Amino acid sequence: MNIGEFRHLITIKKQIVEQDINGFEIKKYDIHATLWAKVSNLHGKEFFEAAAIQKEKTVKFTIRSVKTLDETMKIEFQGKLYDIIFIDNIKYENKYMEIKAIEVSISG
């Protein structure tokens, strides 16, 4: 993998739960990590499979391996927020991860 392709800065956000002054739970997202990534849209067969289930806004992020990453986290990229739907440890080498994520509203 060419490290020069990792030219986009992304922010991984982890959900935390706090209580407001009335004792109600408030879900927030705090920064877990800021990473350089290769970012690409789905194309070809992957795009048409995503479109078939109304997930056309799916983006593929490739990053260096992060052991603490999981599907409950979100990715912020260029002012948009993405839900992580799949994480692939490429070739099980613990070097790079490919993350498929779908765009969601910024309020989440």
PDB file of N, CA and C in Angstrom:
ATOM      1  N   MET A   1       0.855  -1.173   0.000  1.00  0.00           N
ATOM      2  CA  MET A   1       0.000   0.000   0.000  1.00  0.00           C
ATOM      3  C   MET A   1       0.900   1.234   0.000  1.00  0.00           C
ATOM      4  N   ASN A   2       0.564   2.191  -0.843  1.00  0.00           N
ATOM      5  CA  ASN A   2       1.338   3.423  -0.965  1.00  0.00           C
ATOM      6  C   ASN A   2       0.887   4.427   0.099  1.00  0.00           C
ATOM      7  N   ILE A   3       1.775   4.746   1.017  1.00  0.00           N
ATOM      8  CA  ILE A   3       1.432   5.648   2.129  1.00  0.00           C
ATOM      9  C   ILE A   3       1.050   7.040   1.633  1.00  0.00           C
ATOM     10  N   GLY A   4       1.496   7.420   0.436  1.00  0.00           N
ATOM     11  CA  GLY A   4       1.157   8.714  -0.137  1.00  0.00           C
ATOM     12  C   GLY A   4      -0.322   8.867  -0.451  1.00  0.00           C
ATOM     13  N   GLU A   5      -1.041   7.754  -0.535  1.00  0.00           N
ATOM     14  CA  GLU A   5      -2.482   7.799  -0.789  1.00  0.00           C
ATOM     15  C   GLU A   5      -3.271   8.230   0.459  1.00  0.00           C
ATOM     16  N   PHE A   6      -2.641   8.204   1.600  1.00  0.00           N
ATOM     17  CA  PHE A   6      -3.294   8.553   2.859  1.00  0.00           C
ATOM     18  C   PHE A   6      -3.211  10.071   3.035  1.00  0.00           C
ATOM     19  N   ARG A   7      -4.010  10.791   2.263  1.00  0.00           N
ATOM     20  CA  ARG A   7      -3.908  12.256   2.228  1.00  0.00           C
ATOM     21  C   ARG A   7      -5.105  12.983   2.834  1.00  0.00           C
ATOM     22  N   HIS A   8      -6.077  12.239   3.338  1.00  0.00           N
ATOM     23  CA  HIS A   8      -7.268  12.862   3.915  1.00  0.00           C
ATOM     24  C   HIS A   8      -7.263  12.689   5.431  1.00  0.00           C
ATOM     25  N   LEU A   9      -7.499  13.783   6.139  1.00  0.00           N
ATOM     26  CA  LEU A   9      -7.549  13.742   7.590  1.00  0.00           C
ATOM     27  C   LEU A   9      -8.974  13.428   8.040  1.00  0.00           C
ATOM     28  N   ILE A  10      -9.130  12.381   8.850  1.00  0.00           N
ATOM     29  CA  ILE A  10     -10.444  11.999   9.370  1.00  0.00           C
ATOM     30  C   ILE A  10     -10.380  11.995  10.893  1.00  0.00           C
ATOM     31  N   THR A  11     -11.553  12.117  11.507  1.00  0.00           N
ATOM     32  CA  THR A  11     -11.645  12.074  12.964  1.00  0.00           C
ATOM     33  C   THR A  11     -12.565  10.927  13.357  1.00  0.00           C
ATOM     34  N   ILE A  12     -12.063  10.049  14.203  1.00  0.00           N
ATOM     35  CA  ILE A  12     -12.872   8.953  14.747  1.00  0.00           C
ATOM     36  C   ILE A  12     -13.492   9.468  16.033  1.00  0.00           C
ATOM     37  N   LYS A  13     -14.810   9.304  16.154  1.00  0.00           N
ATOM     38  CA  LYS A  13     -15.514   9.786  17.346  1.00  0.00           C
ATOM     39  C   LYS A  13     -16.156   8.614  18.079  1.00  0.00           C
ATOM     40  N   LYS A  14     -15.998   8.640  19.410  1.00  0.00           N
ATOM     41  CA  LYS A  14     -16.528   7.591  20.272  1.00  0.00           C
ATOM     42  C   LYS A  14     -17.676   8.151  21.095  1.00  0.00           C
ATOM     43  N   GLN A  15     -18.736   7.357  21.205  1.00  0.00           N
ATOM     44  CA  GLN A  15     -19.914   7.802  21.958  1.00  0.00           C
ATOM     45  C   GLN A  15     -19.645   7.753  23.461  1.00  0.00           C
ATOM     46  N   ILE A  16     -20.045   8.824  24.124  1.00  0.00           N
ATOM     47  CA  ILE A  16     -20.017   8.852  25.588  1.00  0.00           C
ATOM     48  C   ILE A  16     -21.410   9.249  26.062  1.00  0.00           C
ATOM     49  N   VAL A  17     -21.759   8.824  27.241  1.00  0.00           N
ATOM     50  CA  VAL A  17     -23.063   9.149  27.808  1.00  0.00           C
ATOM     51  C   VAL A  17     -22.831   9.963  29.071  1.00  0.00           C
ATOM     52  N   GLU A  18     -23.448  11.140  29.102  1.00  0.00           N
ATOM     53  CA  GLU A  18     -23.361  12.020  30.272  1.00  0.00           C
ATOM     54  C   GLU A  18     -24.772  12.280  30.781  1.00  0.00           C
ATOM     55  N   GLN A  19     -24.857  12.857  31.953  1.00  0.00           N
ATOM     56  CA  GLN A  19     -26.153  13.238  32.489  1.00  0.00           C
ATOM     57  C   GLN A  19     -26.243  14.759  32.535  1.00  0.00           C
ATOM     58  N   ASP A  20     -27.437  15.270  32.180  1.00  0.00           N
ATOM     59  CA  ASP A  20     -27.641  16.712  32.287  1.00  0.00           C
ATOM     60  C   ASP A  20     -28.033  17.054  33.726  1.00  0.00           C
ATOM     61  N   ILE A  21     -28.319  18.310  33.997  1.00  0.00           N
ATOM     62  CA  ILE A  21     -28.613  18.733  35.381  1.00  0.00           C
ATOM     63  C   ILE A  21     -29.888  18.105  35.929  1.00  0.00           C
ATOM     64  N   ASN A  22     -30.757  17.602  35.036  1.00  0.00           N
ATOM     65  CA  ASN A  22     -31.999  16.964  35.465  1.00  0.00           C
ATOM     66  C   ASN A  22     -31.857  15.443  35.586  1.00  0.00           C
ATOM     67  N   GLY A  23     -30.664  14.923  35.335  1.00  0.00           N
ATOM     68  CA  GLY A  23     -30.435  13.486  35.452  1.00  0.00           C
ATOM     69  C   GLY A  23     -30.719  12.694  34.187  1.00  0.00           C
ATOM     70  N   PHE A  24     -31.064  13.367  33.088  1.00  0.00           N
ATOM     71  CA  PHE A  24     -31.329  12.668  31.837  1.00  0.00           C
ATOM     72  C   PHE A  24     -30.018  12.373  31.116  1.00  0.00           C
ATOM     73  N   GLU A  25     -29.982  11.212  30.476  1.00  0.00           N
ATOM     74  CA  GLU A  25     -28.778  10.842  29.740  1.00  0.00           C
ATOM     75  C   GLU A  25     -28.676  11.617  28.433  1.00  0.00           C
ATOM     76  N   ILE A  26     -27.477  12.077  28.151  1.00  0.00           N
ATOM     77  CA  ILE A  26     -27.199  12.781  26.898  1.00  0.00           C
ATOM     78  C   ILE A  26     -26.081  12.028  26.198  1.00  0.00           C
ATOM     79  N   LYS A  27     -26.329  11.614  24.955  1.00  0.00           N
ATOM     80  CA  LYS A  27     -25.304  10.931  24.170  1.00  0.00           C
ATOM     81  C   LYS A  27     -24.518  11.970  23.382  1.00  0.00           C
ATOM     82  N   LYS A  28     -23.204  11.912  23.527  1.00  0.00           N
ATOM     83  CA  LYS A  28     -22.318  12.824  22.814  1.00  0.00           C
ATOM     84  C   LYS A  28     -21.208  12.010  22.168  1.00  0.00           C
ATOM     85  N   TYR A  29     -20.519  12.634  21.242  1.00  0.00           N
ATOM     86  CA  TYR A  29     -19.366  11.990  20.618  1.00  0.00           C
ATOM     87  C   TYR A  29     -18.131  12.835  20.857  1.00  0.00           C
ATOM     88  N   ASP A  30     -17.108  12.223  21.443  1.00  0.00           N
ATOM     89  CA  ASP A  30     -15.829  12.880  21.673  1.00  0.00           C
ATOM     90  C   ASP A  30     -14.794  12.307  20.717  1.00  0.00           C
ATOM     91  N   ILE A  31     -13.768  13.085  20.475  1.00  0.00           N
ATOM     92  CA  ILE A  31     -12.708  12.652  19.569  1.00  0.00           C
ATOM     93  C   ILE A  31     -11.950  11.483  20.202  1.00  0.00           C
ATOM     94  N   HIS A  32     -11.859  10.401  19.449  1.00  0.00           N
ATOM     95  CA  HIS A  32     -11.112   9.215  19.867  1.00  0.00           C
ATOM     96  C   HIS A  32      -9.733   9.210  19.210  1.00  0.00           C
ATOM     97  N   ALA A  33      -9.690   9.600  17.927  1.00  0.00           N
ATOM     98  CA  ALA A  33      -8.425   9.640  17.195  1.00  0.00           C
ATOM     99  C   ALA A  33      -8.586  10.499  15.951  1.00  0.00           C
ATOM    100  N   THR A  34      -7.494  11.116  15.540  1.00  0.00           N
ATOM    101  CA  THR A  34      -7.448  11.840  14.270  1.00  0.00           C
ATOM    102  C   THR A  34      -6.374  11.153  13.436  1.00  0.00           C
ATOM    103  N   LEU A  35      -6.753  10.720  12.231  1.00  0.00           N
ATOM    104  CA  LEU A  35      -5.887   9.866  11.419  1.00  0.00           C
ATOM    105  C   LEU A  35      -5.839  10.319   9.967  1.00  0.00           C
ATOM    106  N   TRP A  36      -4.773   9.939   9.296  1.00  0.00           N
ATOM    107  CA  TRP A  36      -4.692  10.112   7.851  1.00  0.00           C
ATOM    108  C   TRP A  36      -5.288   8.879   7.200  1.00  0.00           C
ATOM    109  N   ALA A  37      -6.069   9.091   6.139  1.00  0.00           N
ATOM    110  CA  ALA A  37      -6.762   7.981   5.497  1.00  0.00           C
ATOM    111  C   ALA A  37      -6.782   8.134   3.981  1.00  0.00           C
ATOM    112  N   LYS A  38      -6.936   7.010   3.340  1.00  0.00           N
ATOM    113  CA  LYS A  38      -7.252   6.981   1.909  1.00  0.00           C
ATOM    114  C   LYS A  38      -8.772   6.885   1.861  1.00  0.00           C
ATOM    115  N   VAL A  39      -9.402   7.786   1.121  1.00  0.00           N
ATOM    116  CA  VAL A  39     -10.863   7.829   1.070  1.00  0.00           C
ATOM    117  C   VAL A  39     -11.310   7.621  -0.362  1.00  0.00           C
ATOM    118  N   SER A  40     -12.278   6.716  -0.552  1.00  0.00           N
ATOM    119  CA  SER A  40     -12.794   6.490  -1.896  1.00  0.00           C
ATOM    120  C   SER A  40     -14.276   6.149  -1.837  1.00  0.00           C
ATOM    121  N   ASN A  41     -14.961   6.535  -2.892  1.00  0.00           N
ATOM    122  CA  ASN A  41     -16.366   6.175  -3.027  1.00  0.00           C
ATOM    123  C   ASN A  41     -16.453   4.753  -3.546  1.00  0.00           C
ATOM    124  N   LEU A  42     -17.570   4.121  -3.283  1.00  0.00           N
ATOM    125  CA  LEU A  42     -17.781   2.797  -3.857  1.00  0.00           C
ATOM    126  C   LEU A  42     -17.987   2.950  -5.359  1.00  0.00           C
ATOM    127  N   HIS A  43     -17.556   1.950  -6.102  1.00  0.00           N
ATOM    128  CA  HIS A  43     -17.762   1.974  -7.546  1.00  0.00           C
ATOM    129  C   HIS A  43     -17.973   0.545  -8.039  1.00  0.00           C
ATOM    130  N   GLY A  44     -18.474   0.444  -9.235  1.00  0.00           N
ATOM    131  CA  GLY A  44     -18.701  -0.868  -9.826  1.00  0.00           C
ATOM    132  C   GLY A  44     -19.694  -1.699  -9.049  1.00  0.00           C
ATOM    133  N   LYS A  45     -19.356  -2.970  -8.855  1.00  0.00           N
ATOM    134  CA  LYS A  45     -20.235  -3.928  -8.185  1.00  0.00           C
ATOM    135  C   LYS A  45     -20.586  -3.480  -6.767  1.00  0.00           C
ATOM    136  N   GLU A  46     -19.600  -2.947  -6.027  1.00  0.00           N
ATOM    137  CA  GLU A  46     -19.864  -2.490  -4.655  1.00  0.00           C
ATOM    138  C   GLU A  46     -20.913  -1.396  -4.628  1.00  0.00           C
ATOM    139  N   PHE A  47     -20.832  -0.443  -5.580  1.00  0.00           N
ATOM    140  CA  PHE A  47     -21.801   0.654  -5.617  1.00  0.00           C
ATOM    141  C   PHE A  47     -23.204   0.128  -5.887  1.00  0.00           C
ATOM    142  N   PHE A  48     -23.334  -0.756  -6.858  1.00  0.00           N
ATOM    143  CA  PHE A  48     -24.663  -1.253  -7.208  1.00  0.00           C
ATOM    144  C   PHE A  48     -25.263  -2.115  -6.096  1.00  0.00           C
ATOM    145  N   GLU A  49     -24.415  -2.842  -5.372  1.00  0.00           N
ATOM    146  CA  GLU A  49     -24.914  -3.599  -4.227  1.00  0.00           C
ATOM    147  C   GLU A  49     -25.405  -2.651  -3.126  1.00  0.00           C
ATOM    148  N   ALA A  50     -24.671  -1.571  -2.890  1.00  0.00           N
ATOM    149  CA  ALA A  50     -25.085  -0.588  -1.885  1.00  0.00           C
ATOM    150  C   ALA A  50     -26.361   0.119  -2.317  1.00  0.00           C
ATOM    151  N   ALA A  51     -26.472   0.462  -3.590  1.00  0.00           N
ATOM    152  CA  ALA A  51     -27.656   1.152  -4.098  1.00  0.00           C
ATOM    153  C   ALA A  51     -28.894   0.280  -3.960  1.00  0.00           C
ATOM    154  N   ALA A  52     -28.732  -1.014  -4.081  1.00  0.00           N
ATOM    155  CA  ALA A  52     -29.865  -1.927  -3.982  1.00  0.00           C
ATOM    156  C   ALA A  52     -30.488  -1.898  -2.589  1.00  0.00           C
ATOM    157  N   ILE A  53     -29.710  -1.532  -1.582  1.00  0.00           N
ATOM    158  CA  ILE A  53     -30.259  -1.456  -0.222  1.00  0.00           C
ATOM    159  C   ILE A  53     -30.237  -0.017   0.303  1.00  0.00           C
ATOM    160  N   GLN A  54     -30.317   0.943  -0.616  1.00  0.00           N
ATOM    161  CA  GLN A  54     -30.378   2.374  -0.303  1.00  0.00           C
ATOM    162  C   GLN A  54     -29.205   2.848   0.556  1.00  0.00           C
ATOM    163  N   LYS A  55     -28.019   2.386   0.257  1.00  0.00           N
ATOM    164  CA  LYS A  55     -26.828   2.833   0.981  1.00  0.00           C
ATOM    165  C   LYS A  55     -25.820   3.411  -0.011  1.00  0.00           C
ATOM    166  N   GLU A  56     -26.329   4.267  -0.926  1.00  0.00           N
ATOM    167  CA  GLU A  56     -25.474   4.825  -1.963  1.00  0.00           C
ATOM    168  C   GLU A  56     -24.422   5.778  -1.401  1.00  0.00           C
ATOM    169  N   LYS A  57     -24.653   6.317  -0.221  1.00  0.00           N
ATOM    170  CA  LYS A  57     -23.711   7.275   0.364  1.00  0.00           C
ATOM    171  C   LYS A  57     -22.653   6.563   1.205  1.00  0.00           C
ATOM    172  N   THR A  58     -22.308   5.357   0.802  1.00  0.00           N
ATOM    173  CA  THR A  58     -21.292   4.592   1.495  1.00  0.00           C
ATOM    174  C   THR A  58     -19.911   5.000   0.979  1.00  0.00           C
ATOM    175  N   VAL A  59     -18.990   5.195   1.911  1.00  0.00           N
ATOM    176  CA  VAL A  59     -17.625   5.600   1.590  1.00  0.00           C
ATOM    177  C   VAL A  59     -16.677   4.573   2.195  1.00  0.00           C
ATOM    178  N   LYS A  60     -15.554   4.358   1.515  1.00  0.00           N
ATOM    179  CA  LYS A  60     -14.547   3.425   2.006  1.00  0.00           C
ATOM    180  C   LYS A  60     -13.337   4.221   2.491  1.00  0.00           C
ATOM    181  N   PHE A  61     -12.980   4.007   3.763  1.00  0.00           N
ATOM    182  CA  PHE A  61     -11.820   4.641   4.369  1.00  0.00           C
ATOM    183  C   PHE A  61     -10.769   3.555   4.615  1.00  0.00           C
ATOM    184  N   THR A  62      -9.542   3.798   4.205  1.00  0.00           N
ATOM    185  CA  THR A  62      -8.451   2.876   4.507  1.00  0.00           C
ATOM    186  C   THR A  62      -7.483   3.610   5.426  1.00  0.00           C
ATOM    187  N   ILE A  63      -7.186   2.988   6.561  1.00  0.00           N
ATOM    188  CA  ILE A  63      -6.323   3.612   7.575  1.00  0.00           C
ATOM    189  C   ILE A  63      -5.288   2.595   8.043  1.00  0.00           C
ATOM    190  N   ARG A  64      -4.285   3.098   8.764  1.00  0.00           N
ATOM    191  CA  ARG A  64      -3.391   2.175   9.465  1.00  0.00           C
ATOM    192  C   ARG A  64      -4.179   1.536  10.593  1.00  0.00           C
ATOM    193  N   SER A  65      -3.815   0.352  10.981  1.00  0.00           N
ATOM    194  CA  SER A  65      -4.565  -0.413  11.970  1.00  0.00           C
ATOM    195  C   SER A  65      -4.682   0.326  13.305  1.00  0.00           C
ATOM    196  N   VAL A  66      -5.894   0.316  13.862  1.00  0.00           N
ATOM    197  CA  VAL A  66      -6.191   0.893  15.173  1.00  0.00           C
ATOM    198  C   VAL A  66      -6.946  -0.176  15.959  1.00  0.00           C
ATOM    199  N   LYS A  67      -6.321  -0.720  16.980  1.00  0.00           N
ATOM    200  CA  LYS A  67      -6.914  -1.828  17.732  1.00  0.00           C
ATOM    201  C   LYS A  67      -8.193  -1.451  18.457  1.00  0.00           C
ATOM    202  N   THR A  68      -8.341  -0.174  18.829  1.00  0.00           N
ATOM    203  CA  THR A  68      -9.482   0.245  19.640  1.00  0.00           C
ATOM    204  C   THR A  68     -10.696   0.657  18.812  1.00  0.00           C
ATOM    205  N   LEU A  69     -10.640   0.518  17.515  1.00  0.00           N
ATOM    206  CA  LEU A  69     -11.727   0.919  16.630  1.00  0.00           C
ATOM    207  C   LEU A  69     -12.836  -0.123  16.629  1.00  0.00           C
ATOM    208  N   ASP A  70     -14.103   0.325  16.678  1.00  0.00           N
ATOM    209  CA  ASP A  70     -15.223  -0.609  16.568  1.00  0.00           C
ATOM    210  C   ASP A  70     -16.406   0.051  15.857  1.00  0.00           C
ATOM    211  N   GLU A  71     -17.428  -0.760  15.566  1.00  0.00           N
ATOM    212  CA  GLU A  71     -18.573  -0.305  14.774  1.00  0.00           C
ATOM    213  C   GLU A  71     -19.502   0.665  15.500  1.00  0.00           C
ATOM    214  N   THR A  72     -19.300   0.905  16.781  1.00  0.00           N
ATOM    215  CA  THR A  72     -20.143   1.866  17.496  1.00  0.00           C
ATOM    216  C   THR A  72     -19.655   3.300  17.295  1.00  0.00           C
ATOM    217  N   MET A  73     -18.487   3.450  16.711  1.00  0.00           N
ATOM    218  CA  MET A  73     -17.896   4.774  16.526  1.00  0.00           C
ATOM    219  C   MET A  73     -18.377   5.409  15.230  1.00  0.00           C
ATOM    220  N   LYS A  74     -18.093   6.687  15.097  1.00  0.00           N
ATOM    221  CA  LYS A  74     -18.439   7.433  13.893  1.00  0.00           C
ATOM    222  C   LYS A  74     -17.181   8.053  13.319  1.00  0.00           C
ATOM    223  N   ILE A  75     -17.244   8.401  12.043  1.00  0.00           N
ATOM    224  CA  ILE A  75     -16.136   9.074  11.381  1.00  0.00           C
ATOM    225  C   ILE A  75     -16.623  10.432  10.902  1.00  0.00           C
ATOM    226  N   GLU A  76     -15.839  11.462  11.193  1.00  0.00           N
ATOM    227  CA  GLU A  76     -16.127  12.787  10.660  1.00  0.00           C
ATOM    228  C   GLU A  76     -15.107  13.074   9.567  1.00  0.00           C
ATOM    229  N   PHE A  77     -15.621  13.453   8.385  1.00  0.00           N
ATOM    230  CA  PHE A  77     -14.763  13.731   7.241  1.00  0.00           C
ATOM    231  C   PHE A  77     -15.389  14.842   6.412  1.00  0.00           C
ATOM    232  N   GLN A  78     -14.651  15.903   6.212  1.00  0.00           N
ATOM    233  CA  GLN A  78     -15.082  17.063   5.433  1.00  0.00           C
ATOM    234  C   GLN A  78     -16.458  17.578   5.865  1.00  0.00           C
ATOM    235  N   GLY A  79     -16.653  17.683   7.178  1.00  0.00           N
ATOM    236  CA  GLY A  79     -17.880  18.241   7.726  1.00  0.00           C
ATOM    237  C   GLY A  79     -19.072  17.302   7.703  1.00  0.00           C
ATOM    238  N   LYS A  80     -18.863  16.070   7.293  1.00  0.00           N
ATOM    239  CA  LYS A  80     -19.949  15.082   7.267  1.00  0.00           C
ATOM    240  C   LYS A  80     -19.637  13.980   8.267  1.00  0.00           C
ATOM    241  N   LEU A  81     -20.700  13.355   8.780  1.00  0.00           N
ATOM    242  CA  LEU A  81     -20.565  12.298   9.769  1.00  0.00           C
ATOM    243  C   LEU A  81     -20.976  10.971   9.140  1.00  0.00           C
ATOM    244  N   TYR A  82     -20.232   9.923   9.457  1.00  0.00           N
ATOM    245  CA  TYR A  82     -20.472   8.604   8.884  1.00  0.00           C
ATOM    246  C   TYR A  82     -20.567   7.561   9.988  1.00  0.00           C
ATOM    247  N   ASP A  83     -21.573   6.675   9.881  1.00  0.00           N
ATOM    248  CA  ASP A  83     -21.685   5.514  10.757  1.00  0.00           C
ATOM    249  C   ASP A  83     -20.808   4.412  10.184  1.00  0.00           C
ATOM    250  N   ILE A  84     -20.010   3.773  11.021  1.00  0.00           N
ATOM    251  CA  ILE A  84     -19.193   2.650  10.583  1.00  0.00           C
ATOM    252  C   ILE A  84     -20.088   1.428  10.472  1.00  0.00           C
ATOM    253  N   ILE A  85     -20.088   0.795   9.291  1.00  0.00           N
ATOM    254  CA  ILE A  85     -20.924  -0.393   9.112  1.00  0.00           C
ATOM    255  C   ILE A  85     -20.109  -1.671   8.982  1.00  0.00           C
ATOM    256  N   PHE A  86     -18.811  -1.540   8.641  1.00  0.00           N
ATOM    257  CA  PHE A  86     -17.978  -2.732   8.507  1.00  0.00           C
ATOM    258  C   PHE A  86     -16.508  -2.349   8.615  1.00  0.00           C
ATOM    259  N   ILE A  87     -15.753  -3.151   9.368  1.00  0.00           N
ATOM    260  CA  ILE A  87     -14.310  -2.947   9.510  1.00  0.00           C
ATOM    261  C   ILE A  87     -13.611  -4.222   9.077  1.00  0.00           C
ATOM    262  N   ASP A  88     -12.662  -4.087   8.149  1.00  0.00           N
ATOM    263  CA  ASP A  88     -11.914  -5.233   7.644  1.00  0.00           C
ATOM    264  C   ASP A  88     -10.434  -5.058   7.961  1.00  0.00           C
ATOM    265  N   ASN A  89      -9.877  -5.963   8.744  1.00  0.00           N
ATOM    266  CA  ASN A  89      -8.443  -6.007   9.002  1.00  0.00           C
ATOM    267  C   ASN A  89      -7.827  -6.659   7.761  1.00  0.00           C
ATOM    268  N   ILE A  90      -7.287  -5.852   6.871  1.00  0.00           N
ATOM    269  CA  ILE A  90      -6.855  -6.330   5.556  1.00  0.00           C
ATOM    270  C   ILE A  90      -5.827  -7.456   5.702  1.00  0.00           C
ATOM    271  N   LYS A  91      -6.173  -8.598   5.127  1.00  0.00           N
ATOM    272  CA  LYS A  91      -5.345  -9.813   5.119  1.00  0.00           C
ATOM    273  C   LYS A  91      -4.932 -10.262   6.522  1.00  0.00           C
ATOM    274  N   TYR A  92      -5.635  -9.810   7.538  1.00  0.00           N
ATOM    275  CA  TYR A  92      -5.345 -10.167   8.937  1.00  0.00           C
ATOM    276  C   TYR A  92      -3.892  -9.889   9.321  1.00  0.00           C
ATOM    277  N   GLU A  93      -3.316  -8.847   8.720  1.00  0.00           N
ATOM    278  CA  GLU A  93      -1.925  -8.505   8.985  1.00  0.00           C
ATOM    279  C   GLU A  93      -1.762  -7.453  10.082  1.00  0.00           C
ATOM    280  N   ASN A  94      -2.858  -6.879  10.555  1.00  0.00           N
ATOM    281  CA  ASN A  94      -2.839  -5.831  11.583  1.00  0.00           C
ATOM    282  C   ASN A  94      -2.003  -4.622  11.168  1.00  0.00           C
ATOM    283  N   LYS A  95      -1.977  -4.348   9.858  1.00  0.00           N
ATOM    284  CA  LYS A  95      -1.257  -3.187   9.333  1.00  0.00           C
ATOM    285  C   LYS A  95      -2.235  -2.111   8.871  1.00  0.00           C
ATOM    286  N   TYR A  96      -3.238  -2.518   8.092  1.00  0.00           N
ATOM    287  CA  TYR A  96      -4.217  -1.581   7.537  1.00  0.00           C
ATOM    288  C   TYR A  96      -5.619  -2.112   7.765  1.00  0.00           C
ATOM    289  N   MET A  97      -6.554  -1.165   7.856  1.00  0.00           N
ATOM    290  CA  MET A  97      -7.967  -1.502   8.002  1.00  0.00           C
ATOM    291  C   MET A  97      -8.750  -0.782   6.922  1.00  0.00           C
ATOM    292  N   GLU A  98      -9.734  -1.473   6.382  1.00  0.00           N
ATOM    293  CA  GLU A  98     -10.654  -0.859   5.432  1.00  0.00           C
ATOM    294  C   GLU A  98     -11.996  -0.733   6.146  1.00  0.00           C
ATOM    295  N   ILE A  99     -12.519   0.487   6.177  1.00  0.00           N
ATOM    296  CA  ILE A  99     -13.766   0.765   6.888  1.00  0.00           C
ATOM    297  C   ILE A  99     -14.810   1.197   5.869  1.00  0.00           C
ATOM    298  N   LYS A 100     -15.949   0.532   5.871  1.00  0.00           N
ATOM    299  CA  LYS A 100     -17.076   1.000   5.068  1.00  0.00           C
ATOM    300  C   LYS A 100     -17.997   1.743   6.016  1.00  0.00           C
ATOM    301  N   ALA A 101     -18.390   2.942   5.595  1.00  0.00           N
ATOM    302  CA  ALA A 101     -19.224   3.785   6.450  1.00  0.00           C
ATOM    303  C   ALA A 101     -20.258   4.478   5.592  1.00  0.00           C
ATOM    304  N   ILE A 102     -21.404   4.779   6.195  1.00  0.00           N
ATOM    305  CA  ILE A 102     -22.496   5.428   5.473  1.00  0.00           C
ATOM    306  C   ILE A 102     -22.769   6.788   6.094  1.00  0.00           C
ATOM    307  N   GLU A 103     -22.990   7.772   5.232  1.00  0.00           N
ATOM    308  CA  GLU A 103     -23.236   9.146   5.681  1.00  0.00           C
ATOM    309  C   GLU A 103     -24.543   9.232   6.448  1.00  0.00           C
ATOM    310  N   VAL A 104     -24.493   9.965   7.565  1.00  0.00           N
ATOM    311  CA  VAL A 104     -25.675  10.203   8.392  1.00  0.00           C
ATOM    312  C   VAL A 104     -25.806  11.703   8.626  1.00  0.00           C
ATOM    313  N   SER A 105     -26.907  12.101   9.233  1.00  0.00           N
ATOM    314  CA  SER A 105     -27.083  13.509   9.537  1.00  0.00           C
ATOM    315  C   SER A 105     -26.096  13.928  10.610  1.00  0.00           C
ATOM    316  N   ILE A 106     -25.652  15.152  10.589  1.00  0.00           N
ATOM    317  CA  ILE A 106     -24.629  15.673  11.505  1.00  0.00           C
ATOM    318  C   ILE A 106     -25.151  15.752  12.945  1.00  0.00           C
ATOM    319  N   SER A 107     -26.450  15.677  13.169  1.00  0.00           N
ATOM    320  CA  SER A 107     -26.995  15.765  14.519  1.00  0.00           C
ATOM    321  C   SER A 107     -26.687  14.532  15.351  1.00  0.00           C
ATOM    322  N   GLY A 108     -26.351  13.375  14.692  1.00  0.00           N
ATOM    323  CA  GLY A 108     -26.072  12.142  15.423  1.00  0.00           C
ATOM    324  C   GLY A 108     -24.741  12.170  15.964  1.00  0.00           C
TER     325      GLY A 108
END
